[in-house]
């Protein structure tokens, strides 16, 4: 019994080290994923702005689909409970997401609702529960960005009145 007790402390230390390492790896990976997602989203949104109405319908539709998928991924990543971003990756992800939502906005939700309504071949794995999670994450992001934008507008208006 004494030998077993002597092994418990080192075993507990090993498990604690594993837990700390996993938390650190998850934290680092989530920040790296946020930076990568921000870069991809910015690239596609900038391409969408540049191409504008000059692209044919099929190309524009494909680009919108890619942007919509990135928007949904970014909105879902923001809501993940285990992600605790550093300030810089979080701010860049939210800025890119706000810009993309300003451009695509309701088109994202409409695209995913159409995918859900279509046959299972077109949208494998898009269950009603997953669609509700997507809708909730997008609406949460849109609401946060609208509140922030109105607060910034009020602050700018307040600064203009005092001068």
N, C-alpha and C. Protein backbone atom coordinates (compact mmCIF):
# COMPACT_ATOMS: atom_id res chain seq x y z
N UNK A 1 0.82 -1.19 0.00
CA UNK A 1 0.00 0.00 0.00
C UNK A 1 0.86 1.25 0.00
N UNK A 2 1.98 1.23 0.71
CA UNK A 2 2.88 2.39 0.74
C UNK A 2 3.48 2.66 -0.63
N UNK A 3 3.78 1.59 -1.38
CA UNK A 3 4.32 1.77 -2.72
C UNK A 3 3.29 2.44 -3.63
N UNK A 4 2.03 2.06 -3.47
CA UNK A 4 0.97 2.65 -4.26
C UNK A 4 0.82 4.14 -3.94
N UNK A 5 0.88 4.48 -2.67
CA UNK A 5 0.80 5.88 -2.27
C UNK A 5 1.98 6.68 -2.81
N UNK A 6 3.14 6.06 -2.85
CA UNK A 6 4.33 6.74 -3.36
C UNK A 6 4.22 7.01 -4.86
N UNK A 7 3.46 6.21 -5.58
CA UNK A 7 3.29 6.40 -7.02
C UNK A 7 2.21 7.41 -7.37
N UNK A 8 1.31 7.69 -6.44
CA UNK A 8 0.19 8.57 -6.75
C UNK A 8 0.62 10.01 -7.02
N UNK A 9 1.55 10.54 -6.24
CA UNK A 9 1.99 11.91 -6.45
C UNK A 9 2.67 12.09 -7.81
N UNK A 10 3.64 11.25 -8.18
CA UNK A 10 4.23 11.41 -9.52
C UNK A 10 3.20 11.22 -10.65
N UNK A 11 2.27 10.30 -10.44
CA UNK A 11 1.24 10.08 -11.44
C UNK A 11 0.34 11.32 -11.58
N UNK A 12 0.00 11.92 -10.46
CA UNK A 12 -0.80 13.13 -10.49
C UNK A 12 -0.04 14.27 -11.17
N UNK A 13 1.25 14.37 -10.94
CA UNK A 13 2.06 15.40 -11.58
C UNK A 13 2.14 15.18 -13.10
N UNK A 14 2.23 13.93 -13.50
CA UNK A 14 2.27 13.63 -14.94
C UNK A 14 0.96 14.03 -15.60
N UNK A 15 -0.16 13.69 -14.98
CA UNK A 15 -1.46 14.06 -15.55
C UNK A 15 -1.67 15.57 -15.54
N UNK A 16 -1.18 16.25 -14.54
CA UNK A 16 -1.28 17.71 -14.51
C UNK A 16 -0.45 18.32 -15.63
N UNK A 17 0.74 17.79 -15.87
CA UNK A 17 1.58 18.29 -16.95
C UNK A 17 0.93 18.06 -18.31
N UNK A 18 0.29 16.91 -18.47
CA UNK A 18 -0.41 16.62 -19.73
C UNK A 18 -1.56 17.60 -19.93
N UNK A 19 -2.31 17.88 -18.87
CA UNK A 19 -3.44 18.81 -18.97
C UNK A 19 -2.95 20.22 -19.31
N UNK A 20 -1.87 20.65 -18.68
CA UNK A 20 -1.33 21.98 -18.96
C UNK A 20 -0.82 22.06 -20.39
N UNK A 21 -0.14 21.01 -20.85
CA UNK A 21 0.35 20.99 -22.23
C UNK A 21 -0.81 21.03 -23.22
N UNK A 22 -1.86 20.28 -22.97
CA UNK A 22 -3.00 20.27 -23.89
C UNK A 22 -3.68 21.63 -23.92
N UNK A 23 -3.83 22.26 -22.76
CA UNK A 23 -4.43 23.59 -22.73
C UNK A 23 -3.58 24.58 -23.52
N UNK A 24 -2.29 24.54 -23.35
CA UNK A 24 -1.40 25.43 -24.08
C UNK A 24 -1.44 25.18 -25.57
N UNK A 25 -1.47 23.92 -25.96
CA UNK A 25 -1.54 23.58 -27.38
C UNK A 25 -2.86 24.03 -27.99
N UNK A 26 -3.92 23.83 -27.26
CA UNK A 26 -5.24 24.25 -27.75
C UNK A 26 -5.31 25.78 -27.87
N UNK A 27 -4.75 26.47 -26.89
CA UNK A 27 -4.74 27.93 -26.89
C UNK A 27 -3.93 28.45 -28.08
N UNK A 28 -2.75 27.88 -28.27
CA UNK A 28 -1.91 28.30 -29.39
C UNK A 28 -2.53 27.96 -30.73
N UNK A 29 -3.13 26.80 -30.83
CA UNK A 29 -3.75 26.39 -32.09
C UNK A 29 -4.96 27.27 -32.42
N UNK A 30 -5.73 27.63 -31.41
CA UNK A 30 -6.90 28.47 -31.67
C UNK A 30 -6.49 29.86 -32.12
N UNK A 31 -5.44 30.40 -31.56
CA UNK A 31 -4.95 31.71 -32.00
C UNK A 31 -4.37 31.63 -33.41
N UNK A 32 -3.65 30.57 -33.70
CA UNK A 32 -3.10 30.38 -35.04
C UNK A 32 -4.22 30.21 -36.05
N UNK A 33 -5.23 29.45 -35.69
CA UNK A 33 -6.38 29.24 -36.57
C UNK A 33 -7.11 30.57 -36.81
N UNK A 34 -7.21 31.41 -35.79
CA UNK A 34 -7.87 32.71 -35.94
C UNK A 34 -7.11 33.60 -36.91
N UNK A 35 -5.79 33.60 -36.81
CA UNK A 35 -4.97 34.41 -37.70
C UNK A 35 -5.09 33.90 -39.14
N UNK A 36 -5.04 32.59 -39.32
CA UNK A 36 -5.15 32.02 -40.66
C UNK A 36 -6.53 32.29 -41.26
N UNK A 37 -7.56 32.12 -40.47
CA UNK A 37 -8.92 32.36 -40.95
C UNK A 37 -9.12 33.83 -41.31
N UNK A 38 -8.53 34.72 -40.52
CA UNK A 38 -8.61 36.15 -40.81
C UNK A 38 -7.96 36.45 -42.16
N UNK A 39 -6.79 35.91 -42.39
CA UNK A 39 -6.10 36.13 -43.65
C UNK A 39 -6.89 35.62 -44.84
N UNK A 40 -7.43 34.42 -44.73
CA UNK A 40 -8.22 33.86 -45.82
C UNK A 40 -9.48 34.68 -46.08
N UNK A 41 -10.16 35.03 -45.01
CA UNK A 41 -11.39 35.81 -45.15
C UNK A 41 -11.11 37.17 -45.77
N UNK A 42 -10.05 37.83 -45.32
CA UNK A 42 -9.68 39.13 -45.90
C UNK A 42 -9.34 39.01 -47.38
N UNK A 43 -8.60 37.96 -47.75
CA UNK A 43 -8.23 37.78 -49.16
C UNK A 43 -9.46 37.61 -50.04
N UNK A 44 -10.38 36.77 -49.62
CA UNK A 44 -11.57 36.52 -50.43
C UNK A 44 -12.50 37.74 -50.47
N UNK A 45 -12.61 38.44 -49.36
CA UNK A 45 -13.45 39.65 -49.35
C UNK A 45 -12.85 40.73 -50.24
N UNK A 46 -11.53 40.89 -50.18
CA UNK A 46 -10.87 41.87 -51.05
C UNK A 46 -11.05 41.50 -52.53
N UNK A 47 -10.93 40.21 -52.83
CA UNK A 47 -11.16 39.76 -54.20
C UNK A 47 -12.60 40.03 -54.63
N UNK A 48 -13.53 39.80 -53.72
CA UNK A 48 -14.95 40.05 -54.01
C UNK A 48 -15.19 41.54 -54.29
N UNK A 49 -14.54 42.40 -53.51
CA UNK A 49 -14.68 43.85 -53.72
C UNK A 49 -14.08 44.26 -55.07
N UNK A 50 -12.93 43.70 -55.41
CA UNK A 50 -12.26 44.07 -56.65
C UNK A 50 -13.00 43.56 -57.87
N UNK A 51 -13.49 42.34 -57.80
CA UNK A 51 -14.17 41.74 -58.94
C UNK A 51 -15.53 42.39 -59.13
N UNK A 52 -16.26 42.57 -58.03
CA UNK A 52 -17.55 43.24 -58.07
C UNK A 52 -18.47 42.68 -59.12
N UNK A 53 -19.02 43.54 -59.96
CA UNK A 53 -19.97 43.13 -60.97
C UNK A 53 -19.33 42.67 -62.27
N UNK A 54 -18.00 42.66 -62.35
CA UNK A 54 -17.33 42.28 -63.59
C UNK A 54 -17.27 40.78 -63.80
N UNK A 55 -17.48 40.01 -62.75
CA UNK A 55 -17.38 38.55 -62.87
C UNK A 55 -18.68 37.97 -63.41
N UNK A 56 -18.54 36.82 -64.06
CA UNK A 56 -19.75 36.14 -64.52
C UNK A 56 -20.47 35.54 -63.31
N UNK A 57 -21.72 35.20 -63.48
CA UNK A 57 -22.56 34.75 -62.37
C UNK A 57 -22.04 33.52 -61.67
N UNK A 58 -21.50 32.59 -62.44
CA UNK A 58 -21.01 31.35 -61.84
C UNK A 58 -19.80 31.61 -60.95
N UNK A 59 -18.85 32.39 -61.45
CA UNK A 59 -17.65 32.71 -60.67
C UNK A 59 -18.00 33.50 -59.42
N UNK A 60 -18.89 34.45 -59.57
CA UNK A 60 -19.31 35.26 -58.43
C UNK A 60 -20.03 34.40 -57.40
N UNK A 61 -20.86 33.48 -57.87
CA UNK A 61 -21.55 32.57 -56.95
C UNK A 61 -20.59 31.68 -56.20
N UNK A 62 -19.56 31.19 -56.88
CA UNK A 62 -18.55 30.35 -56.21
C UNK A 62 -17.78 31.16 -55.17
N UNK A 63 -17.43 32.39 -55.52
CA UNK A 63 -16.71 33.25 -54.59
C UNK A 63 -17.57 33.57 -53.38
N UNK A 64 -18.85 33.84 -53.60
CA UNK A 64 -19.76 34.09 -52.48
C UNK A 64 -19.90 32.87 -51.59
N UNK A 65 -19.91 31.68 -52.19
CA UNK A 65 -20.01 30.45 -51.40
C UNK A 65 -18.77 30.28 -50.51
N UNK A 66 -17.61 30.57 -51.06
CA UNK A 66 -16.37 30.45 -50.27
C UNK A 66 -16.39 31.47 -49.13
N UNK A 67 -16.78 32.70 -49.43
CA UNK A 67 -16.84 33.73 -48.40
C UNK A 67 -17.86 33.35 -47.33
N UNK A 68 -19.01 32.85 -47.75
CA UNK A 68 -20.03 32.45 -46.78
C UNK A 68 -19.53 31.34 -45.87
N UNK A 69 -18.82 30.37 -46.42
CA UNK A 69 -18.27 29.29 -45.60
C UNK A 69 -17.26 29.83 -44.60
N UNK A 70 -16.42 30.77 -45.03
CA UNK A 70 -15.45 31.36 -44.12
C UNK A 70 -16.14 32.20 -43.04
N UNK A 71 -17.20 32.90 -43.40
CA UNK A 71 -17.94 33.69 -42.42
C UNK A 71 -18.54 32.78 -41.35
N UNK A 72 -19.15 31.69 -41.78
CA UNK A 72 -19.75 30.75 -40.83
C UNK A 72 -18.68 30.14 -39.94
N UNK A 73 -17.55 29.77 -40.52
CA UNK A 73 -16.46 29.21 -39.73
C UNK A 73 -15.98 30.21 -38.69
N UNK A 74 -15.81 31.46 -39.10
CA UNK A 74 -15.34 32.49 -38.17
C UNK A 74 -16.36 32.74 -37.07
N UNK A 75 -17.64 32.77 -37.43
CA UNK A 75 -18.69 33.01 -36.42
C UNK A 75 -18.76 31.85 -35.44
N UNK A 76 -18.61 30.63 -35.93
CA UNK A 76 -18.64 29.47 -35.03
C UNK A 76 -17.39 29.42 -34.15
N UNK A 77 -16.24 29.80 -34.71
CA UNK A 77 -15.00 29.80 -33.93
C UNK A 77 -15.08 30.81 -32.78
N UNK A 78 -15.72 31.95 -33.04
CA UNK A 78 -15.86 32.97 -31.99
C UNK A 78 -16.65 32.44 -30.80
N UNK A 79 -17.62 31.56 -31.08
CA UNK A 79 -18.51 31.08 -30.03
C UNK A 79 -18.01 29.81 -29.33
N UNK A 80 -16.90 29.26 -29.76
CA UNK A 80 -16.39 28.04 -29.13
C UNK A 80 -15.94 28.35 -27.71
N UNK A 81 -16.35 27.55 -26.78
CA UNK A 81 -16.09 27.84 -25.37
C UNK A 81 -14.63 27.73 -25.00
N UNK A 82 -13.88 26.89 -25.68
CA UNK A 82 -12.49 26.65 -25.29
C UNK A 82 -11.53 27.66 -25.91
N UNK A 83 -12.01 28.54 -26.76
CA UNK A 83 -11.11 29.50 -27.39
C UNK A 83 -11.00 30.75 -26.54
N UNK A 84 -9.82 31.03 -26.14
CA UNK A 84 -9.52 32.27 -25.44
C UNK A 84 -8.43 32.95 -26.23
N UNK A 85 -8.83 33.81 -27.12
CA UNK A 85 -7.88 34.43 -28.02
C UNK A 85 -7.06 35.49 -27.33
N UNK A 86 -5.87 35.70 -27.86
CA UNK A 86 -5.11 36.88 -27.48
C UNK A 86 -5.83 38.07 -28.10
N UNK A 87 -5.49 39.26 -27.67
CA UNK A 87 -6.19 40.45 -28.13
C UNK A 87 -6.03 40.68 -29.64
N UNK A 88 -4.82 40.53 -30.15
CA UNK A 88 -4.57 40.82 -31.56
C UNK A 88 -5.29 39.85 -32.50
N UNK A 89 -5.18 38.52 -32.32
CA UNK A 89 -5.92 37.62 -33.21
C UNK A 89 -7.43 37.79 -33.10
N UNK A 90 -7.91 38.05 -31.90
CA UNK A 90 -9.35 38.24 -31.72
C UNK A 90 -9.82 39.50 -32.43
N UNK A 91 -9.08 40.58 -32.28
CA UNK A 91 -9.48 41.83 -32.92
C UNK A 91 -9.42 41.71 -34.43
N UNK A 92 -8.39 41.06 -34.96
CA UNK A 92 -8.30 40.93 -36.41
C UNK A 92 -9.39 40.02 -36.96
N UNK A 93 -9.71 38.94 -36.24
CA UNK A 93 -10.78 38.05 -36.68
C UNK A 93 -12.12 38.77 -36.66
N UNK A 94 -12.38 39.52 -35.60
CA UNK A 94 -13.65 40.22 -35.51
C UNK A 94 -13.76 41.35 -36.54
N UNK A 95 -12.65 42.01 -36.84
CA UNK A 95 -12.68 43.05 -37.86
C UNK A 95 -12.96 42.44 -39.24
N UNK A 96 -12.30 41.34 -39.55
CA UNK A 96 -12.53 40.68 -40.84
C UNK A 96 -13.95 40.15 -40.92
N UNK A 97 -14.45 39.59 -39.83
CA UNK A 97 -15.81 39.05 -39.81
C UNK A 97 -16.83 40.17 -39.95
N UNK A 98 -16.60 41.30 -39.29
CA UNK A 98 -17.52 42.43 -39.40
C UNK A 98 -17.56 42.97 -40.83
N UNK A 99 -16.42 43.06 -41.47
CA UNK A 99 -16.37 43.55 -42.85
C UNK A 99 -17.07 42.56 -43.79
N UNK A 100 -16.82 41.28 -43.59
CA UNK A 100 -17.45 40.27 -44.45
C UNK A 100 -18.96 40.24 -44.24
N UNK A 101 -19.40 40.38 -43.00
CA UNK A 101 -20.84 40.40 -42.74
C UNK A 101 -21.48 41.66 -43.30
N UNK A 102 -20.74 42.75 -43.31
CA UNK A 102 -21.29 43.98 -43.90
C UNK A 102 -21.51 43.80 -45.40
N UNK A 103 -20.65 43.03 -46.03
CA UNK A 103 -20.78 42.80 -47.47
C UNK A 103 -21.81 41.72 -47.78
N UNK A 104 -21.72 40.59 -47.11
CA UNK A 104 -22.58 39.45 -47.43
C UNK A 104 -23.84 39.41 -46.59
N UNK A 105 -23.75 39.76 -45.31
CA UNK A 105 -24.89 39.87 -44.41
C UNK A 105 -25.90 38.75 -44.50
N UNK A 106 -27.09 39.11 -44.93
CA UNK A 106 -28.20 38.16 -44.96
C UNK A 106 -28.01 37.09 -46.02
N UNK A 107 -27.14 37.32 -46.98
CA UNK A 107 -26.88 36.33 -48.02
C UNK A 107 -26.32 35.04 -47.45
N UNK A 108 -25.56 35.16 -46.37
CA UNK A 108 -24.97 33.97 -45.75
C UNK A 108 -26.07 33.07 -45.19
N UNK A 109 -26.95 33.66 -44.41
CA UNK A 109 -28.04 32.89 -43.80
C UNK A 109 -28.94 32.32 -44.88
N UNK A 110 -29.23 33.11 -45.90
CA UNK A 110 -30.09 32.64 -46.98
C UNK A 110 -29.46 31.45 -47.71
N UNK A 111 -28.15 31.51 -47.94
CA UNK A 111 -27.46 30.40 -48.62
C UNK A 111 -27.54 29.12 -47.80
N UNK A 112 -27.29 29.22 -46.49
CA UNK A 112 -27.31 28.02 -45.67
C UNK A 112 -28.72 27.50 -45.45
N UNK A 113 -29.71 28.38 -45.41
CA UNK A 113 -31.09 27.91 -45.32
C UNK A 113 -31.51 27.21 -46.60
N UNK A 114 -31.03 27.71 -47.74
CA UNK A 114 -31.33 27.04 -49.01
C UNK A 114 -30.64 25.68 -49.07
N UNK A 115 -29.43 25.61 -48.54
CA UNK A 115 -28.73 24.32 -48.51
C UNK A 115 -29.47 23.33 -47.64
N UNK A 116 -29.99 23.80 -46.52
CA UNK A 116 -30.73 22.91 -45.63
C UNK A 116 -32.03 22.44 -46.30
N UNK A 117 -32.68 23.31 -47.03
CA UNK A 117 -33.94 22.97 -47.68
C UNK A 117 -33.74 22.05 -48.87
N UNK A 118 -32.56 22.10 -49.48
CA UNK A 118 -32.30 21.27 -50.64
C UNK A 118 -32.09 19.82 -50.23
N UNK A 119 -31.83 19.00 -51.19
CA UNK A 119 -31.68 17.57 -50.92
C UNK A 119 -30.44 17.29 -50.07
N UNK A 120 -30.38 16.13 -49.49
CA UNK A 120 -29.28 15.72 -48.63
C UNK A 120 -27.98 15.60 -49.42
N UNK A 121 -28.06 15.38 -50.74
CA UNK A 121 -26.86 15.27 -51.56
C UNK A 121 -26.11 16.59 -51.63
N UNK A 122 -26.85 17.69 -51.66
CA UNK A 122 -26.22 19.00 -51.77
C UNK A 122 -25.60 19.48 -50.46
N UNK A 123 -26.15 19.05 -49.36
CA UNK A 123 -25.67 19.52 -48.06
C UNK A 123 -25.58 18.37 -47.07
N UNK A 124 -24.62 17.48 -47.28
CA UNK A 124 -24.51 16.36 -46.36
C UNK A 124 -24.08 16.82 -44.97
N UNK A 125 -24.77 16.32 -43.98
CA UNK A 125 -24.41 16.62 -42.60
C UNK A 125 -24.95 17.94 -42.07
N UNK A 126 -25.76 18.65 -42.82
CA UNK A 126 -26.32 19.92 -42.36
C UNK A 126 -27.69 19.63 -41.74
N UNK A 127 -27.65 19.23 -40.51
CA UNK A 127 -28.88 18.88 -39.79
C UNK A 127 -29.57 20.15 -39.31
N UNK A 128 -30.85 20.04 -38.92
CA UNK A 128 -31.54 21.22 -38.38
C UNK A 128 -30.84 21.80 -37.15
N UNK A 129 -30.26 20.94 -36.32
CA UNK A 129 -29.56 21.43 -35.12
C UNK A 129 -28.31 22.21 -35.52
N UNK A 130 -27.59 21.71 -36.51
CA UNK A 130 -26.38 22.42 -36.98
C UNK A 130 -26.76 23.74 -37.64
N UNK A 131 -27.86 23.73 -38.39
CA UNK A 131 -28.31 24.97 -39.03
C UNK A 131 -28.71 26.00 -37.97
N UNK A 132 -29.34 25.56 -36.91
CA UNK A 132 -29.72 26.47 -35.83
C UNK A 132 -28.47 27.04 -35.14
N UNK A 133 -27.44 26.20 -34.99
CA UNK A 133 -26.19 26.67 -34.40
C UNK A 133 -25.53 27.72 -35.30
N UNK A 134 -25.55 27.49 -36.61
CA UNK A 134 -25.00 28.45 -37.56
C UNK A 134 -25.78 29.76 -37.50
N UNK A 135 -27.10 29.64 -37.52
CA UNK A 135 -27.95 30.83 -37.49
C UNK A 135 -27.71 31.64 -36.21
N UNK A 136 -27.62 30.95 -35.09
CA UNK A 136 -27.40 31.62 -33.80
C UNK A 136 -26.04 32.32 -33.76
N UNK A 137 -25.00 31.66 -34.27
CA UNK A 137 -23.66 32.25 -34.27
C UNK A 137 -23.61 33.48 -35.17
N UNK A 138 -24.24 33.39 -36.34
CA UNK A 138 -24.26 34.54 -37.26
C UNK A 138 -25.04 35.71 -36.69
N UNK A 139 -26.19 35.42 -36.11
CA UNK A 139 -26.99 36.50 -35.53
C UNK A 139 -26.30 37.12 -34.34
N UNK A 140 -25.63 36.31 -33.55
CA UNK A 140 -24.88 36.84 -32.41
C UNK A 140 -23.77 37.77 -32.89
N UNK A 141 -23.04 37.35 -33.91
CA UNK A 141 -21.96 38.19 -34.45
C UNK A 141 -22.53 39.48 -35.04
N UNK A 142 -23.61 39.37 -35.82
CA UNK A 142 -24.20 40.57 -36.41
C UNK A 142 -24.68 41.53 -35.33
N UNK A 143 -25.34 41.01 -34.30
CA UNK A 143 -25.84 41.87 -33.23
C UNK A 143 -24.70 42.55 -32.50
N UNK A 144 -23.62 41.82 -32.20
CA UNK A 144 -22.48 42.42 -31.51
C UNK A 144 -21.87 43.53 -32.34
N UNK A 145 -21.72 43.28 -33.63
CA UNK A 145 -21.09 44.28 -34.48
C UNK A 145 -21.99 45.49 -34.67
N UNK A 146 -23.30 45.29 -34.71
CA UNK A 146 -24.22 46.43 -34.81
C UNK A 146 -24.17 47.28 -33.55
N UNK A 147 -24.11 46.62 -32.39
CA UNK A 147 -24.03 47.35 -31.12
C UNK A 147 -22.72 48.13 -31.06
N UNK A 148 -21.62 47.49 -31.46
CA UNK A 148 -20.33 48.17 -31.44
C UNK A 148 -20.32 49.35 -32.42
N UNK A 149 -20.90 49.15 -33.60
CA UNK A 149 -20.93 50.22 -34.60
C UNK A 149 -21.77 51.39 -34.11
N UNK A 150 -22.90 51.11 -33.48
CA UNK A 150 -23.73 52.21 -32.97
C UNK A 150 -23.05 52.92 -31.81
N UNK A 151 -22.33 52.17 -30.97
CA UNK A 151 -21.60 52.81 -29.86
C UNK A 151 -20.49 53.69 -30.40
N UNK A 152 -19.79 53.23 -31.45
CA UNK A 152 -18.74 54.05 -32.05
C UNK A 152 -19.32 55.29 -32.71
N UNK A 153 -20.47 55.13 -33.36
CA UNK A 153 -21.12 56.28 -34.00
C UNK A 153 -21.55 57.31 -32.95
N UNK A 154 -22.07 56.83 -31.81
CA UNK A 154 -22.46 57.74 -30.73
C UNK A 154 -21.25 58.45 -30.15
N UNK A 155 -20.13 57.72 -30.02
CA UNK A 155 -18.92 58.32 -29.49
C UNK A 155 -18.39 59.39 -30.43
N UNK A 156 -18.45 59.12 -31.73
CA UNK A 156 -18.00 60.11 -32.71
C UNK A 156 -18.93 61.31 -32.70
N UNK A 157 -20.23 61.07 -32.62
CA UNK A 157 -21.19 62.17 -32.56
C UNK A 157 -21.02 62.97 -31.27
N UNK A 158 -20.72 62.30 -30.17
CA UNK A 158 -20.52 62.97 -28.90
C UNK A 158 -19.26 63.82 -28.93
N UNK A 159 -18.22 63.35 -29.57
CA UNK A 159 -16.99 64.13 -29.69
C UNK A 159 -17.19 65.33 -30.60
N UNK A 160 -18.02 65.19 -31.61
CA UNK A 160 -18.29 66.30 -32.52
C UNK A 160 -19.09 67.39 -31.86
N UNK A 161 -19.98 67.05 -30.93
CA UNK A 161 -20.82 68.04 -30.26
C UNK A 161 -20.04 68.85 -29.23
N UNK A 162 -19.04 68.26 -28.60
CA UNK A 162 -18.30 68.96 -27.54
C UNK A 162 -17.30 69.95 -28.09
N UNK A 163 -16.93 69.82 -29.36
CA UNK A 163 -15.92 70.71 -29.93
C UNK A 163 -16.48 71.99 -30.41
